[in-house]
Amino acid sequence: MSSSPDLTERQLRVLDAVVQSYIETAEPAGSQMVARRFGLGVSPATIRGIMSELEEMGYLFHRHTSSGRIPTDRAYRTYVDRVMHRSAPSTHEQLALRTELQGRTSALEEILRRAAQVLGVLTQELGVAVAPVLDSVVLERVELVRVSAERLLLVLNLRSGVVRTIFVRVPGQMAPESVSQMTQLLNERLAGHTLHEIRTTLGARLRDAHAAGEGRELLDIFIAESEEIFALADPSGVMLGSAQMLAEQPEFASNARMRELLELTERRDLLREALQARRGAGLSITIGGENDDARFSDLTLVTSSYSKGDLRGVIGVIGPTRMPYDKIIGLVEHTSRLVEGLLE
């Protein structure tokens, strides 16, 4: 969607005023209010004429019950691309993000889950995070730790510094030497391969291994359960904050609109499809009708990608097209850099 660089400076100033007013109040902006509040140096009549020009050009519209104007998707795009001045997160916001992300655990999914939650709170939008696809990440080392009579903890140390842990059920007490032998065997046969290769070929890699007694039993468990053991995350890879943040917004005041939003949050496949192409895109902003899926036509997606080695993911927010873009863009970018730093 073009942001139409042919607008005059005066038209851009009026557009800026209408967009800012509507974002803050959710009420159509009238010429009298714009003249009084924004000090554009022209009369309400002149502003009314410029608003009419902007409406004819597709930047504004008005409801039949109101003389005030409302921005279109095209107006928001022009505002973001040409007019808006980004706001850096406040000291309070930076502290809240850092405190929340540097919590008790360094598990990537938990960091992303907390990032989506705190972004939602700070922006009053729906926070969203997309975990990296791990299939192409190389396994560096395996550790097996006995945690109880019937459970082993499998620790996968992955390239890019990510660690994954999986509990494996075993049929009774395993001798320490059996666990040690299996650890050595798994490292010999699996280290240096991607998780996708391991998951799809584990049986072939282990089937000819020599083991007896408990060792053979444990080996058979790994062969039989390879798909479950090495399927390391929710297949959608999408984590959401609370949709309750959006419930306070006038766009979702009706039960029908809120129900549509909640149904959308249940469709992780749709969210994944909308977000996965953004993994390497840096900052990405799609406004209303710019979204490929019509189910997002009333929403804006603001995301920023994060990366570390082979790992690539996305962090951001989803909300109505009427959102404080200047503040939200800064918060989303700052959060993605914090997540990136925690992957170091």
Protein backbone atom coordinates (compact mmCIF):
# COMPACT_ATOMS: atom_id res chain seq x y z
CA MET A 1 0.00 0.00 0.00
CA SER A 2 1.54 3.30 -1.11
CA SER A 3 2.05 6.07 1.44
CA SER A 4 1.54 8.59 -1.41
CA PRO A 5 4.50 10.98 -1.30
CA ASP A 6 2.51 13.55 -3.31
CA LEU A 7 0.86 14.99 -0.19
CA THR A 8 1.71 18.60 0.59
CA GLU A 9 3.28 19.62 3.87
CA ARG A 10 0.01 21.17 5.00
CA GLN A 11 -1.94 18.00 4.17
CA LEU A 12 0.60 15.91 6.07
CA ARG A 13 0.25 18.14 9.15
CA VAL A 14 -3.54 17.80 9.12
CA LEU A 15 -3.26 14.06 8.54
CA ASP A 16 -0.87 13.79 11.47
CA ALA A 17 -3.29 15.69 13.71
CA VAL A 18 -6.29 13.53 12.74
CA VAL A 19 -4.36 10.29 13.24
CA GLN A 20 -2.97 11.36 16.62
CA SER A 21 -6.37 12.53 17.78
CA TYR A 22 -8.13 9.33 16.74
CA ILE A 23 -5.45 7.09 18.27
CA GLU A 24 -5.79 8.89 21.60
CA THR A 25 -9.58 9.31 21.78
CA ALA A 26 -11.13 6.72 19.41
CA GLU A 27 -13.44 9.57 18.39
CA PRO A 28 -13.70 11.09 14.88
CA ALA A 29 -11.63 14.27 14.61
CA GLY A 30 -13.44 17.50 13.73
CA SER A 31 -11.87 20.62 12.25
CA GLN A 32 -12.66 22.78 15.29
CA MET A 33 -10.94 20.37 17.66
CA VAL A 34 -7.90 19.97 15.36
CA ALA A 35 -7.52 23.75 15.07
CA ARG A 36 -7.87 24.27 18.82
CA ARG A 37 -5.60 21.44 19.94
CA PHE A 38 -2.83 21.19 17.37
CA GLY A 39 -2.09 24.84 16.59
CA LEU A 40 -1.60 24.38 12.84
CA GLY A 41 -1.77 28.11 12.20
CA VAL A 42 -4.82 27.91 9.91
CA SER A 43 -8.55 28.38 10.47
CA PRO A 44 -11.04 25.55 11.14
CA ALA A 45 -12.54 26.25 7.70
CA THR A 46 -9.15 25.69 6.03
CA ILE A 47 -8.63 22.50 8.02
CA ARG A 48 -12.11 21.32 7.01
CA GLY A 49 -11.20 21.87 3.37
CA ILE A 50 -7.94 19.92 3.72
CA MET A 51 -9.82 17.11 5.44
CA SER A 52 -12.17 16.94 2.47
CA GLU A 53 -9.18 16.72 0.13
CA LEU A 54 -7.67 13.90 2.21
CA GLU A 55 -11.00 12.08 2.17
CA GLU A 56 -11.22 12.31 -1.61
CA MET A 57 -7.67 10.87 -1.80
CA GLY A 58 -8.57 7.89 0.39
CA TYR A 59 -6.81 8.90 3.60
CA LEU A 60 -9.84 9.75 5.73
CA PHE A 61 -13.51 8.80 5.90
CA HIS A 62 -16.46 9.86 7.98
CA ARG A 63 -19.49 8.08 9.31
CA HIS A 64 -22.83 9.50 8.22
CA THR A 65 -23.67 10.40 11.83
CA SER A 66 -20.55 12.50 12.34
CA SER A 67 -18.77 15.34 10.60
CA GLY A 68 -15.47 14.26 12.12
CA ARG A 69 -12.96 12.19 10.14
CA ILE A 70 -11.42 8.79 10.85
CA PRO A 71 -8.07 7.59 9.39
CA THR A 72 -8.02 4.79 6.82
CA ASP A 73 -5.32 2.12 6.59
CA ARG A 74 -3.65 4.33 3.99
CA ALA A 75 -3.54 7.21 6.48
CA TYR A 76 -1.89 5.04 9.13
CA ARG A 77 0.68 3.82 6.58
CA THR A 78 1.57 7.40 5.64
CA TYR A 79 1.72 8.37 9.30
CA VAL A 80 4.13 5.49 10.07
CA ASP A 81 6.31 5.99 7.00
CA ARG A 82 6.48 9.76 6.74
CA VAL A 83 5.21 11.60 9.80
CA MET A 84 5.65 9.66 13.00
CA HIS A 85 8.55 10.19 15.40
CA ARG A 86 9.39 6.99 17.28
CA SER A 87 9.46 7.08 21.08
CA ALA A 88 12.11 5.13 22.93
CA PRO A 89 10.76 3.01 25.81
CA SER A 90 10.73 4.89 29.10
CA THR A 91 13.11 3.98 31.90
CA HIS A 92 10.20 2.30 33.71
CA GLU A 93 9.29 0.25 30.62
CA GLN A 94 12.88 -0.80 30.01
CA LEU A 95 13.21 -1.90 33.63
CA ALA A 96 9.93 -3.84 33.49
CA LEU A 97 11.05 -5.67 30.34
CA ARG A 98 14.52 -6.46 31.65
CA THR A 99 13.19 -7.65 35.02
CA GLU A 100 10.56 -9.88 33.42
CA LEU A 101 12.84 -11.42 30.80
CA GLN A 102 15.80 -12.02 33.10
CA GLY A 103 13.69 -14.19 35.38
CA ARG A 104 14.27 -17.48 37.09
CA THR A 105 14.79 -19.59 33.98
CA SER A 106 16.79 -19.25 30.79
CA ALA A 107 14.59 -21.70 28.83
CA LEU A 108 13.88 -20.01 25.50
CA GLU A 109 10.15 -20.79 25.35
CA GLU A 110 9.65 -19.39 28.86
CA ILE A 111 11.58 -16.21 27.95
CA LEU A 112 9.38 -15.77 24.87
CA ARG A 113 6.21 -16.46 26.83
CA ARG A 114 7.14 -13.81 29.37
CA ALA A 115 8.11 -11.39 26.58
CA ALA A 116 4.67 -11.77 24.97
CA GLN A 117 2.97 -11.22 28.33
CA VAL A 118 4.91 -8.13 29.36
CA LEU A 119 4.65 -6.58 25.88
CA GLY A 120 0.88 -7.03 26.08
CA VAL A 121 0.77 -5.29 29.46
CA LEU A 122 2.98 -2.38 28.39
CA THR A 123 1.24 -1.78 25.04
CA GLN A 124 -2.32 -2.87 25.97
CA GLU A 125 -2.31 -4.98 22.82
CA LEU A 126 -2.01 -8.74 22.32
CA GLY A 127 1.63 -9.72 22.81
CA VAL A 128 2.90 -12.47 20.51
CA ALA A 129 6.14 -14.41 20.17
CA VAL A 130 7.23 -17.04 17.66
CA ALA A 131 9.83 -19.57 18.76
CA PRO A 132 12.68 -20.54 16.44
CA VAL A 133 12.33 -23.60 14.27
CA LEU A 134 14.83 -26.02 15.77
CA ASP A 135 14.79 -28.72 13.11
CA SER A 136 17.89 -27.31 11.41
CA VAL A 137 19.84 -26.74 14.65
CA VAL A 138 22.78 -29.10 15.25
CA LEU A 139 23.02 -31.22 18.40
CA GLU A 140 26.40 -30.78 20.08
CA ARG A 141 26.18 -32.96 23.17
CA VAL A 142 23.78 -35.23 25.06
CA GLU A 143 23.60 -35.78 28.81
CA LEU A 144 21.44 -38.33 30.64
CA VAL A 145 20.69 -37.70 34.32
CA ARG A 146 18.75 -40.08 36.55
CA VAL A 147 16.17 -38.06 38.51
CA SER A 148 14.05 -40.89 39.95
CA ALA A 149 13.65 -44.65 39.78
CA GLU A 150 11.45 -44.36 36.69
CA ARG A 151 12.63 -41.17 35.00
CA LEU A 152 15.74 -39.95 33.23
CA LEU A 153 16.38 -36.35 32.24
CA LEU A 154 17.70 -36.05 28.69
CA VAL A 155 19.66 -32.81 28.26
CA LEU A 156 20.28 -31.71 24.66
CA ASN A 157 22.96 -29.08 24.20
CA LEU A 158 22.35 -27.46 20.83
CA ARG A 159 24.55 -25.27 18.68
CA SER A 160 23.72 -21.58 19.19
CA GLY A 161 23.83 -22.16 22.95
CA VAL A 162 20.27 -23.45 23.40
CA VAL A 163 19.62 -26.24 25.88
CA ARG A 164 16.59 -28.54 25.76
CA THR A 165 15.52 -30.96 28.48
CA ILE A 166 13.12 -33.89 28.09
CA PHE A 167 11.98 -36.44 30.66
CA VAL A 168 12.20 -40.06 29.50
CA ARG A 169 10.27 -42.77 31.34
CA VAL A 170 12.15 -46.02 32.02
CA PRO A 171 10.77 -49.28 33.43
CA GLY A 172 12.52 -49.26 36.80
CA GLN A 173 15.87 -48.47 38.38
CA MET A 174 18.72 -48.16 35.87
CA ALA A 175 22.28 -48.93 36.94
CA PRO A 176 24.60 -45.90 36.68
CA GLU A 177 26.87 -47.75 34.23
CA SER A 178 23.89 -48.43 31.89
CA VAL A 179 22.99 -44.73 31.91
CA SER A 180 26.63 -43.79 31.30
CA GLN A 181 26.98 -46.24 28.40
CA MET A 182 23.77 -44.92 26.80
CA THR A 183 25.03 -41.33 27.15
CA GLN A 184 28.26 -42.26 25.38
CA LEU A 185 26.40 -44.12 22.64
CA LEU A 186 23.98 -41.26 21.99
CA ASN A 187 26.84 -38.79 21.70
CA GLU A 188 28.75 -41.05 19.30
CA ARG A 189 25.74 -41.60 17.05
CA LEU A 190 23.84 -38.29 17.26
CA ALA A 191 26.22 -35.39 17.96
CA GLY A 192 26.92 -33.24 14.92
CA HIS A 193 23.54 -33.93 13.28
CA THR A 194 20.46 -31.67 13.05
CA LEU A 195 17.41 -32.44 15.14
CA HIS A 196 15.45 -33.19 11.98
CA GLU A 197 18.04 -35.77 10.92
CA ILE A 198 18.02 -37.31 14.37
CA ARG A 199 14.26 -37.52 14.65
CA THR A 200 13.82 -39.14 11.25
CA THR A 201 16.79 -41.52 11.35
CA LEU A 202 17.25 -42.33 15.04
CA GLY A 203 16.17 -45.95 14.63
CA ALA A 204 18.67 -46.58 11.87
CA ARG A 205 21.45 -44.84 13.82
CA LEU A 206 20.90 -46.92 16.95
CA ARG A 207 19.56 -50.22 15.71
CA ASP A 208 22.94 -51.89 15.18
CA ALA A 209 24.31 -50.66 18.51
CA HIS A 210 25.42 -53.41 20.90
CA ALA A 211 23.80 -53.33 24.31
CA ALA A 212 22.54 -55.94 26.75
CA GLY A 213 20.11 -56.08 29.65
CA GLU A 214 19.14 -52.65 30.92
CA GLY A 215 21.16 -50.98 28.18
CA ARG A 216 19.24 -52.80 25.47
CA GLU A 217 15.95 -51.90 27.15
CA LEU A 218 16.87 -48.24 27.27
CA LEU A 219 18.07 -48.34 23.68
CA ASP A 220 14.73 -49.78 22.57
CA ILE A 221 12.89 -46.98 24.39
CA PHE A 222 14.83 -44.33 22.47
CA ILE A 223 14.21 -46.09 19.14
CA ALA A 224 10.48 -46.55 19.77
CA GLU A 225 9.85 -43.03 21.07
CA SER A 226 12.21 -40.97 18.91
CA GLU A 227 9.41 -38.85 17.39
CA GLU A 228 8.05 -37.89 20.82
CA ILE A 229 11.45 -37.43 22.46
CA PHE A 230 12.82 -35.14 19.76
CA ALA A 231 9.63 -33.20 19.03
CA LEU A 232 10.80 -30.36 21.23
CA ALA A 233 8.11 -27.73 21.08
CA ASP A 234 4.56 -26.81 20.28
CA PRO A 235 4.32 -27.38 16.50
CA SER A 236 2.80 -23.92 16.04
CA GLY A 237 5.67 -22.26 17.93
CA VAL A 238 3.33 -19.33 18.72
CA MET A 239 3.01 -17.91 22.23
CA LEU A 240 0.46 -15.27 23.17
CA GLY A 241 -0.02 -12.81 26.00
CA SER A 242 -3.48 -12.18 27.44
CA ALA A 243 -6.26 -11.20 25.03
CA GLN A 244 -7.86 -9.43 28.00
CA MET A 245 -5.66 -6.42 27.24
CA LEU A 246 -7.58 -5.87 24.01
CA ALA A 247 -10.96 -6.30 25.69
CA GLU A 248 -10.56 -2.79 27.14
CA GLN A 249 -10.29 -1.24 23.68
CA PRO A 250 -13.45 0.25 22.10
CA GLU A 251 -12.88 -1.75 18.91
CA PHE A 252 -13.67 -4.91 20.89
CA ALA A 253 -16.50 -3.53 23.03
CA SER A 254 -19.10 -5.67 21.30
CA ASN A 255 -19.39 -9.34 22.21
CA ALA A 256 -19.28 -10.31 18.54
CA ARG A 257 -15.96 -8.53 17.89
CA MET A 258 -14.40 -9.95 21.05
CA ARG A 259 -15.57 -13.42 20.10
CA GLU A 260 -13.96 -13.06 16.67
CA LEU A 261 -10.70 -12.02 18.33
CA LEU A 262 -10.75 -14.96 20.74
CA GLU A 263 -11.49 -17.37 17.88
CA LEU A 264 -8.49 -15.95 16.03
CA THR A 265 -6.21 -16.53 19.02
CA GLU A 266 -7.32 -20.16 19.06
CA ARG A 267 -6.18 -20.61 15.46
CA ARG A 268 -2.45 -20.94 16.07
CA ASP A 269 -2.05 -22.22 12.50
CA LEU A 270 -3.33 -18.90 11.12
CA LEU A 271 -1.14 -16.92 13.47
CA ARG A 272 1.89 -19.02 12.55
CA GLU A 273 1.23 -18.49 8.84
CA ALA A 274 0.86 -14.73 9.34
CA LEU A 275 4.04 -14.48 11.40
CA GLN A 276 6.50 -17.08 10.12
CA ALA A 277 7.49 -15.10 7.01
CA ARG A 278 8.72 -12.33 9.33
CA ARG A 279 11.50 -14.41 10.92
CA GLY A 280 14.26 -12.65 9.01
CA ALA A 281 12.48 -9.42 8.17
CA GLY A 282 13.69 -7.10 10.96
CA LEU A 283 10.94 -4.64 11.83
CA SER A 284 7.67 -5.45 10.06
CA ILE A 285 4.39 -3.50 10.23
CA THR A 286 1.27 -4.61 8.35
CA ILE A 287 -1.83 -2.46 8.73
CA GLY A 288 -5.38 -3.67 8.20
CA GLY A 289 -5.94 -4.56 4.56
CA GLU A 290 -2.18 -4.94 3.98
CA ASN A 291 -2.43 -8.32 5.72
CA ASP A 292 -2.74 -11.21 3.28
CA ASP A 293 -5.42 -12.96 5.36
CA ALA A 294 -8.77 -11.13 5.39
CA ARG A 295 -9.31 -12.26 8.98
CA PHE A 296 -6.62 -9.75 9.97
CA SER A 297 -8.15 -6.91 7.92
CA ASP A 298 -9.10 -4.89 11.01
CA LEU A 299 -5.82 -5.52 12.80
CA THR A 300 -2.24 -4.28 12.74
CA LEU A 301 0.73 -6.59 13.31
CA VAL A 302 3.94 -4.98 14.56
CA THR A 303 6.83 -7.44 14.87
CA SER A 304 10.61 -7.48 15.07
CA SER A 305 12.72 -10.54 14.32
CA TYR A 306 15.45 -11.82 16.63
CA SER A 307 18.31 -14.14 15.74
CA LYS A 308 21.31 -15.93 17.16
CA GLY A 309 23.26 -18.26 14.92
CA ASP A 310 20.81 -20.69 13.33
CA LEU A 311 17.94 -19.52 15.54
CA ARG A 312 15.39 -17.11 14.10
CA GLY A 313 12.11 -15.97 15.64
CA VAL A 314 9.68 -13.08 15.97
CA ILE A 315 8.38 -10.94 18.83
CA GLY A 316 5.63 -8.33 18.60
CA VAL A 317 2.01 -7.31 19.14
CA ILE A 318 -1.35 -7.62 17.40
CA GLY A 319 -4.02 -4.99 17.89
CA PRO A 320 -6.55 -2.73 16.16
CA THR A 321 -5.26 -0.43 13.44
CA ARG A 322 -5.85 2.43 15.90
CA MET A 323 -2.75 1.97 18.01
CA PRO A 324 0.03 4.28 19.28
CA TYR A 325 2.55 3.23 16.63
CA ASP A 326 5.31 5.56 17.86
CA LYS A 327 5.38 3.94 21.31
CA ILE A 328 4.68 0.35 20.24
CA ILE A 329 7.36 0.16 17.56
CA GLY A 330 10.01 1.25 20.07
CA LEU A 331 8.84 -1.29 22.65
CA VAL A 332 8.74 -4.16 20.16
CA GLU A 333 12.21 -3.44 18.79
CA HIS A 334 13.66 -3.03 22.29
CA THR A 335 12.13 -6.35 23.39
CA SER A 336 13.49 -8.24 20.38
CA ARG A 337 16.99 -6.94 21.15
CA LEU A 338 16.65 -8.03 24.79
CA VAL A 339 15.60 -11.52 23.69
CA GLU A 340 18.54 -11.60 21.28
CA GLY A 341 20.89 -10.63 24.10
CA LEU A 342 19.60 -13.44 26.30
CA LEU A 343 20.47 -15.92 23.53
CA GLU A 344 24.11 -14.87 23.64
